[in-house]
């Protein structure tokens, strides 16, 4: 396993991070524990979750993912060997999580306390804002139209609330997710101006079908040291090629949950086929090639992989040992020019 120290922190994280949003939906508690055991054996020390998980969100399952991780921590006694990250849910009408959800002090403090209880730990290493208070283009939304935020909750309010929890020792570092260049730079400016904690990471989607992070945020990652925790590196599994030719494996996530249609645009299907062909030409597993591409990006601190079984997880983790040649990267970039970000 390879490790990287996240800039401006003391967190040394594995190049591969275990994503857990299937725990409690597609994976039982026993299966979740088996994945956690296996990942740790392979050198993975970074676990990412969220209070909203599992996905798709549901009042019947919300918080179950954190609870499964918490029961594993209690049973295994491995808390001091892992870097644990979770998230506070952004504004949305989900009263089963909390009424009147917003990124204000009440919501953030309540969220942290609930997560700590479910995770059966006294502290969270990296606490992330799952998505912004304001309206932005995320989760596949395009054609931005400005909408005034009438919530009365500013970035400074959010940062102040997080700072209180850092001072209380409940969280060590903070991060953002599904953010924009403006949002990241504004957080950095406010932290410097008001002597508040600096955001350490940004967790956004990044994969061969969606390289939009490179447009503006990658420069911030390099110059400001706010590196990427890449999520959906396999584009919900589509980059494995398993859905090509209208195949729908019975136990696959996008078969079970048709709401995950983000990576099934016509251009996305053509691009996926082209990437799979490149992998097969060079004797590579398509999923491992897609993950290796993310692993090799200099602005990526860790690549968040998820799996529904140990065979998938083993293959995903093994991608860290694959180095793509300049020839393969040139072929990948040729496809990226032909199909530019078909599934942002």
Protein backbone atom coordinates (compact mmCIF):
# COMPACT_ATOMS: atom_id res chain seq x y z
CA UNK A 1 0.00 0.00 0.00
CA UNK A 2 1.10 3.58 -0.63
CA UNK A 3 0.50 6.36 1.89
CA UNK A 4 0.29 10.13 1.67
CA UNK A 5 0.28 12.81 4.35
CA UNK A 6 -2.58 15.21 3.75
CA UNK A 7 -1.12 18.74 3.52
CA UNK A 8 -1.56 20.97 6.59
CA UNK A 9 -2.46 17.93 8.75
CA UNK A 10 -0.78 15.06 10.57
CA UNK A 11 -3.04 12.55 8.82
CA UNK A 12 -1.15 9.88 6.87
CA UNK A 13 -3.72 8.07 4.75
CA UNK A 14 -3.59 5.09 2.43
CA UNK A 15 -3.79 5.82 -1.29
CA UNK A 16 -6.96 3.72 -1.29
CA UNK A 17 -9.81 4.69 1.04
CA UNK A 18 -12.64 2.31 1.87
CA UNK A 19 -15.99 3.82 0.93
CA UNK A 20 -18.89 2.40 2.92
CA UNK A 21 -22.17 3.73 1.53
CA UNK A 22 -23.41 0.21 0.70
CA UNK A 23 -23.14 -0.89 4.35
CA UNK A 24 -26.68 -1.39 5.62
CA UNK A 25 -28.30 -1.50 2.18
CA UNK A 26 -26.46 -3.94 -0.08
CA UNK A 27 -24.16 -5.23 2.66
CA UNK A 28 -25.09 -6.81 5.98
CA UNK A 29 -23.29 -6.00 9.20
CA UNK A 30 -21.25 -9.20 8.92
CA UNK A 31 -20.27 -8.39 5.34
CA UNK A 32 -19.34 -4.85 6.37
CA UNK A 33 -17.08 -6.19 9.12
CA UNK A 34 -15.45 -8.60 6.66
CA UNK A 35 -14.70 -5.74 4.28
CA UNK A 36 -13.23 -3.65 7.08
CA UNK A 37 -11.07 -6.55 8.27
CA UNK A 38 -9.83 -7.27 4.75
CA UNK A 39 -9.13 -3.63 3.91
CA UNK A 40 -7.07 -3.20 7.08
CA UNK A 41 -5.11 -6.38 6.29
CA UNK A 42 -4.28 -4.92 2.87
CA UNK A 43 -2.91 -1.73 4.41
CA UNK A 44 -5.98 0.48 3.97
CA UNK A 45 -6.14 2.75 7.02
CA UNK A 46 -8.67 5.31 5.74
CA UNK A 47 -12.45 4.81 6.08
CA UNK A 48 -15.04 7.23 4.73
CA UNK A 49 -18.70 7.35 5.69
CA UNK A 50 -21.54 9.84 6.31
CA UNK A 51 -24.44 10.31 8.69
CA UNK A 52 -26.86 9.97 5.75
CA UNK A 53 -25.55 6.56 4.62
CA UNK A 54 -26.42 4.05 3.32
CA UNK A 55 -27.40 5.23 -0.14
CA UNK A 56 -30.11 5.41 -1.42
CA UNK A 57 -31.11 7.31 1.71
CA UNK A 58 -34.08 6.03 3.66
CA UNK A 59 -35.62 6.72 7.09
CA UNK A 60 -35.44 2.98 7.77
CA UNK A 61 -31.68 2.72 7.20
CA UNK A 62 -30.22 6.18 7.93
CA UNK A 63 -27.23 5.95 10.25
CA UNK A 64 -26.88 2.21 9.80
CA UNK A 65 -23.55 2.54 7.97
CA UNK A 66 -21.95 4.43 10.84
CA UNK A 67 -23.47 1.96 13.30
CA UNK A 68 -21.90 -0.99 11.43
CA UNK A 69 -18.51 0.74 11.51
CA UNK A 70 -19.01 1.50 15.19
CA UNK A 71 -19.74 -2.12 16.07
CA UNK A 72 -16.62 -3.15 14.14
CA UNK A 73 -14.50 -0.60 16.00
CA UNK A 74 -15.84 -1.84 19.33
CA UNK A 75 -15.21 -5.48 18.42
CA UNK A 76 -11.84 -5.09 16.71
CA UNK A 77 -10.21 -2.49 18.92
CA UNK A 78 -8.59 -0.94 15.83
CA UNK A 79 -9.62 2.69 16.34
CA UNK A 80 -6.05 3.91 16.75
CA UNK A 81 -5.01 2.26 13.47
CA UNK A 82 -7.48 4.01 11.19
CA UNK A 83 -8.24 7.50 9.94
CA UNK A 84 -12.01 7.90 10.22
CA UNK A 85 -13.93 10.38 8.08
CA UNK A 86 -17.63 11.16 8.10
CA UNK A 87 -19.95 13.96 6.95
CA UNK A 88 -22.78 16.22 8.06
CA UNK A 89 -25.73 16.21 5.67
CA UNK A 90 -26.31 19.45 3.80
CA UNK A 91 -29.65 21.25 3.59
CA UNK A 92 -32.42 18.96 2.42
CA UNK A 93 -35.89 18.01 3.54
CA UNK A 94 -34.98 14.88 5.49
CA UNK A 95 -36.85 15.29 8.78
CA UNK A 96 -35.95 11.75 9.83
CA UNK A 97 -32.35 13.01 10.20
CA UNK A 98 -33.18 16.39 11.76
CA UNK A 99 -35.94 18.98 11.38
CA UNK A 100 -35.09 22.23 9.58
CA UNK A 101 -31.77 20.97 8.23
CA UNK A 102 -29.06 23.53 7.60
CA UNK A 103 -25.32 23.90 8.05
CA UNK A 104 -25.72 25.94 11.22
CA UNK A 105 -24.45 25.40 14.74
CA UNK A 106 -27.44 23.37 15.99
CA UNK A 107 -27.44 20.97 13.07
CA UNK A 108 -23.67 20.49 12.97
CA UNK A 109 -23.34 19.91 16.71
CA UNK A 110 -26.28 17.50 16.74
CA UNK A 111 -24.86 15.66 13.72
CA UNK A 112 -21.41 15.24 15.25
CA UNK A 113 -22.78 13.99 18.56
CA UNK A 114 -25.03 11.46 16.82
CA UNK A 115 -22.19 10.25 14.59
CA UNK A 116 -19.85 9.83 17.55
CA UNK A 117 -22.47 7.73 19.32
CA UNK A 118 -23.09 5.50 16.31
CA UNK A 119 -19.38 5.16 15.53
CA UNK A 120 -18.62 4.35 19.18
CA UNK A 121 -15.65 6.71 19.25
CA UNK A 122 -14.66 9.90 21.06
CA UNK A 123 -13.37 11.74 18.00
CA UNK A 124 -13.59 11.96 14.23
CA UNK A 125 -10.35 12.47 12.29
CA UNK A 126 -11.88 14.27 9.30
CA UNK A 127 -15.33 15.84 9.43
CA UNK A 128 -16.76 16.97 6.11
CA UNK A 129 -19.65 19.13 4.91
CA UNK A 130 -21.48 16.75 2.58
CA UNK A 131 -22.70 19.51 0.25
CA UNK A 132 -22.99 23.30 0.48
CA UNK A 133 -25.74 25.35 2.07
CA UNK A 134 -26.08 27.37 -1.12
CA UNK A 135 -27.33 26.03 -4.45
CA UNK A 136 -24.53 24.79 -6.70
CA UNK A 137 -24.14 22.39 -9.59
CA UNK A 138 -23.55 18.98 -8.03
CA UNK A 139 -24.80 15.40 -8.26
CA UNK A 140 -24.98 15.72 -12.05
CA UNK A 141 -26.82 19.03 -12.19
CA UNK A 142 -25.91 21.28 -15.13
CA UNK A 143 -26.72 24.77 -16.46
CA UNK A 144 -26.13 26.74 -13.28
CA UNK A 145 -28.61 29.46 -12.44
CA UNK A 146 -27.88 31.64 -9.43
CA UNK A 147 -30.33 31.36 -6.56
CA UNK A 148 -30.03 33.63 -3.54
CA UNK A 149 -29.51 31.76 -0.28
CA UNK A 150 -32.23 32.93 2.09
CA UNK A 151 -31.30 30.50 4.86
CA UNK A 152 -29.33 33.07 6.83
CA UNK A 153 -26.49 30.56 7.23
CA UNK A 154 -23.17 31.82 5.89
CA UNK A 155 -19.92 29.98 5.27
CA UNK A 156 -18.55 31.78 8.32
CA UNK A 157 -21.42 30.42 10.45
CA UNK A 158 -20.60 26.90 9.29
CA UNK A 159 -16.88 27.36 9.86
CA UNK A 160 -17.47 28.81 13.33
CA UNK A 161 -19.58 25.79 14.31
CA UNK A 162 -16.92 23.38 13.05
CA UNK A 163 -14.21 25.34 14.89
CA UNK A 164 -16.07 24.86 18.18
CA UNK A 165 -16.00 21.11 17.66
CA UNK A 166 -12.30 21.15 16.83
CA UNK A 167 -11.62 23.05 20.04
CA UNK A 168 -13.76 20.55 21.94
CA UNK A 169 -11.66 17.67 20.60
CA UNK A 170 -14.60 15.98 18.90
CA UNK A 171 -13.13 16.44 15.42
CA UNK A 172 -9.49 16.85 14.39
CA UNK A 173 -9.70 18.29 10.87
CA UNK A 174 -12.42 19.55 8.57
CA UNK A 175 -13.16 19.12 4.89
CA UNK A 176 -15.76 19.89 2.25
CA UNK A 177 -17.53 17.79 -0.35
CA UNK A 178 -19.34 18.52 -3.61
CA UNK A 179 -17.83 22.02 -3.48
CA UNK A 180 -16.85 24.58 -6.10
CA UNK A 181 -13.65 26.61 -6.59
CA UNK A 182 -15.40 29.68 -5.16
CA UNK A 183 -16.48 27.73 -2.09
CA UNK A 184 -13.02 26.31 -1.39
CA UNK A 185 -11.26 29.65 -1.76
CA UNK A 186 -13.89 31.38 0.37
CA UNK A 187 -13.42 28.85 3.18
CA UNK A 188 -9.65 29.36 3.02
CA UNK A 189 -10.02 33.15 3.09
CA UNK A 190 -12.39 33.05 6.08
CA UNK A 191 -10.13 30.69 8.00
CA UNK A 192 -7.16 33.00 7.55
CA UNK A 193 -9.11 36.18 8.26
CA UNK A 194 -10.80 34.90 11.43
CA UNK A 195 -8.11 32.50 12.68
CA UNK A 196 -10.35 29.46 12.22
CA UNK A 197 -9.52 25.89 11.18
CA UNK A 198 -8.41 25.47 7.57
CA UNK A 199 -10.26 22.98 5.37
CA UNK A 200 -7.92 20.09 4.70
CA UNK A 201 -9.61 18.18 1.87
CA UNK A 202 -12.31 18.26 -0.77
CA UNK A 203 -14.33 15.16 -1.63
CA UNK A 204 -15.77 15.44 -5.13
CA UNK A 205 -16.55 12.98 -7.92
CA UNK A 206 -13.62 12.19 -10.20
CA UNK A 207 -13.41 9.46 -12.82
CA UNK A 208 -12.81 8.90 -16.53
CA UNK A 209 -16.36 10.03 -17.34
CA UNK A 210 -16.19 13.11 -15.15
CA UNK A 211 -12.88 14.96 -15.04
CA UNK A 212 -14.48 18.34 -14.33
CA UNK A 213 -12.39 18.60 -11.13
CA UNK A 214 -9.41 19.32 -13.37
CA UNK A 215 -10.94 22.53 -14.74
CA UNK A 216 -10.56 24.74 -11.68
CA UNK A 217 -10.26 22.75 -8.50
CA UNK A 218 -7.08 20.83 -9.40
CA UNK A 219 -5.08 24.08 -9.45
CA UNK A 220 -6.39 24.92 -5.98
CA UNK A 221 -5.39 21.45 -4.79
CA UNK A 222 -1.83 21.97 -6.02
CA UNK A 223 -1.33 25.56 -4.93
CA UNK A 224 -3.34 25.61 -1.70
CA UNK A 225 -2.83 22.03 -0.55
CA UNK A 226 -6.52 21.14 -0.41
CA UNK A 227 -6.24 17.73 -2.02
CA UNK A 228 -8.96 15.57 -3.49
CA UNK A 229 -10.64 12.58 -1.92
CA UNK A 230 -12.00 11.15 -5.16
CA UNK A 231 -15.41 9.54 -4.95
CA UNK A 232 -17.19 7.47 -7.62
CA UNK A 233 -13.85 6.60 -9.29
CA UNK A 234 -15.63 3.79 -11.16
CA UNK A 235 -18.68 5.92 -12.00
CA UNK A 236 -21.06 3.66 -10.04
CA UNK A 237 -19.30 0.64 -11.53
CA UNK A 238 -20.00 1.57 -15.15
CA UNK A 239 -16.28 1.81 -15.99
CA UNK A 240 -15.91 -1.90 -15.27
CA UNK A 241 -17.86 -2.41 -18.49
CA UNK A 242 -20.43 -4.65 -16.82
CA UNK A 243 -23.38 -2.58 -18.04
CA UNK A 244 -22.27 -2.39 -21.69
CA UNK A 245 -24.56 -3.80 -24.39
CA UNK A 246 -27.55 -3.24 -22.12
CA UNK A 247 -26.38 -5.79 -19.58
CA UNK A 248 -27.90 -5.46 -16.11
CA UNK A 249 -26.28 -7.84 -13.60
CA UNK A 250 -28.94 -8.85 -11.08
CA UNK A 251 -27.04 -7.79 -7.95
CA UNK A 252 -25.38 -4.64 -9.34
CA UNK A 253 -26.13 -1.27 -7.75
CA UNK A 254 -27.46 0.41 -10.89
CA UNK A 255 -29.69 -2.59 -11.59
CA UNK A 256 -31.15 -2.50 -8.10
CA UNK A 257 -31.46 1.29 -7.96
CA UNK A 258 -32.48 2.81 -11.29
CA UNK A 259 -32.17 6.31 -9.81
CA UNK A 260 -28.42 6.04 -10.44
CA UNK A 261 -28.66 7.08 -14.09
CA UNK A 262 -25.97 9.77 -14.02
CA UNK A 263 -23.39 7.71 -15.92
CA UNK A 264 -25.69 6.31 -18.59
CA UNK A 265 -25.84 9.17 -21.06
CA UNK A 266 -25.35 8.19 -24.71
CA UNK A 267 -21.95 9.88 -24.77
CA UNK A 268 -21.11 8.22 -21.47
CA UNK A 269 -21.86 4.78 -22.90
CA UNK A 270 -19.67 5.44 -25.94
CA UNK A 271 -16.84 6.75 -23.77
CA UNK A 272 -17.10 3.76 -21.43
CA UNK A 273 -16.86 1.38 -24.36
CA UNK A 274 -13.77 3.21 -25.63
CA UNK A 275 -12.07 3.05 -22.23
CA UNK A 276 -12.89 -0.64 -21.84
CA UNK A 277 -11.37 -1.26 -25.28
CA UNK A 278 -8.15 0.50 -24.22
CA UNK A 279 -7.91 -1.66 -21.12
CA UNK A 280 -8.50 -4.86 -23.05
CA UNK A 281 -5.97 -3.87 -25.71
CA UNK A 282 -3.29 -3.56 -23.03
CA UNK A 283 -4.32 -6.63 -21.05
CA UNK A 284 -5.74 -4.67 -18.14
CA UNK A 285 -8.89 -5.12 -16.13
CA UNK A 286 -11.07 -2.11 -17.11
CA UNK A 287 -12.01 -1.30 -13.52
CA UNK A 288 -8.40 -1.45 -12.37
CA UNK A 289 -7.31 0.79 -15.24
CA UNK A 290 -9.95 3.35 -14.31
CA UNK A 291 -8.85 3.28 -10.66
CA UNK A 292 -5.16 3.42 -11.56
CA UNK A 293 -5.83 6.57 -13.59
CA UNK A 294 -7.26 8.27 -10.49
CA UNK A 295 -4.47 6.93 -8.27
CA UNK A 296 -1.83 8.54 -10.49
CA UNK A 297 -3.20 12.09 -10.31
CA UNK A 298 -0.95 14.36 -8.27
CA UNK A 299 -3.87 16.27 -6.73
CA UNK A 300 -5.51 13.12 -5.32
CA UNK A 301 -4.84 12.42 -1.65
CA UNK A 302 -6.86 9.19 -1.62
CA UNK A 303 -9.14 7.24 -3.93
CA UNK A 304 -12.43 6.17 -2.31
CA UNK A 305 -13.40 2.71 -3.52
CA UNK A 306 -16.54 0.81 -2.62
CA UNK A 307 -17.50 -2.80 -3.19
CA UNK A 308 -20.35 -5.14 -2.42
CA UNK A 309 -18.16 -8.24 -2.06
CA UNK A 310 -14.59 -9.13 -1.11
CA UNK A 311 -13.60 -10.15 -4.64
CA UNK A 312 -14.44 -6.69 -5.93
CA UNK A 313 -12.71 -5.06 -2.99
CA UNK A 314 -9.54 -7.10 -3.49
CA UNK A 315 -9.40 -6.10 -7.17
CA UNK A 316 -10.06 -2.44 -6.38
CA UNK A 317 -7.35 -2.26 -3.72
CA UNK A 318 -4.87 -4.02 -6.03
CA UNK A 319 -5.19 -1.10 -8.49
CA UNK A 320 -2.64 0.72 -6.31
CA UNK A 321 0.05 -1.56 -7.76
CA UNK A 322 -0.75 -0.69 -11.38
CA UNK A 323 1.13 2.10 -13.15
CA UNK A 324 -0.29 3.30 -16.46
CA UNK A 325 2.26 3.96 -19.18
CA UNK A 326 2.48 7.19 -21.15
CA UNK A 327 1.08 5.29 -24.14
CA UNK A 328 -2.03 4.24 -22.22
CA UNK A 329 -2.47 7.72 -20.74
CA UNK A 330 -2.24 9.24 -24.25
CA UNK A 331 -4.96 6.88 -25.47
CA UNK A 332 -7.13 7.72 -22.47
CA UNK A 333 -6.69 11.44 -23.07
CA UNK A 334 -7.61 11.03 -26.75
CA UNK A 335 -10.93 9.53 -25.70
CA UNK A 336 -11.37 12.35 -23.16
CA UNK A 337 -11.03 14.90 -25.96
CA UNK A 338 -13.55 13.06 -28.12
CA UNK A 339 -16.04 12.66 -25.24
CA UNK A 340 -15.31 15.60 -22.95
CA UNK A 341 -16.80 15.02 -19.48
CA UNK A 342 -19.87 13.17 -20.77
CA UNK A 343 -21.23 12.57 -17.26
CA UNK A 344 -20.44 15.51 -14.96
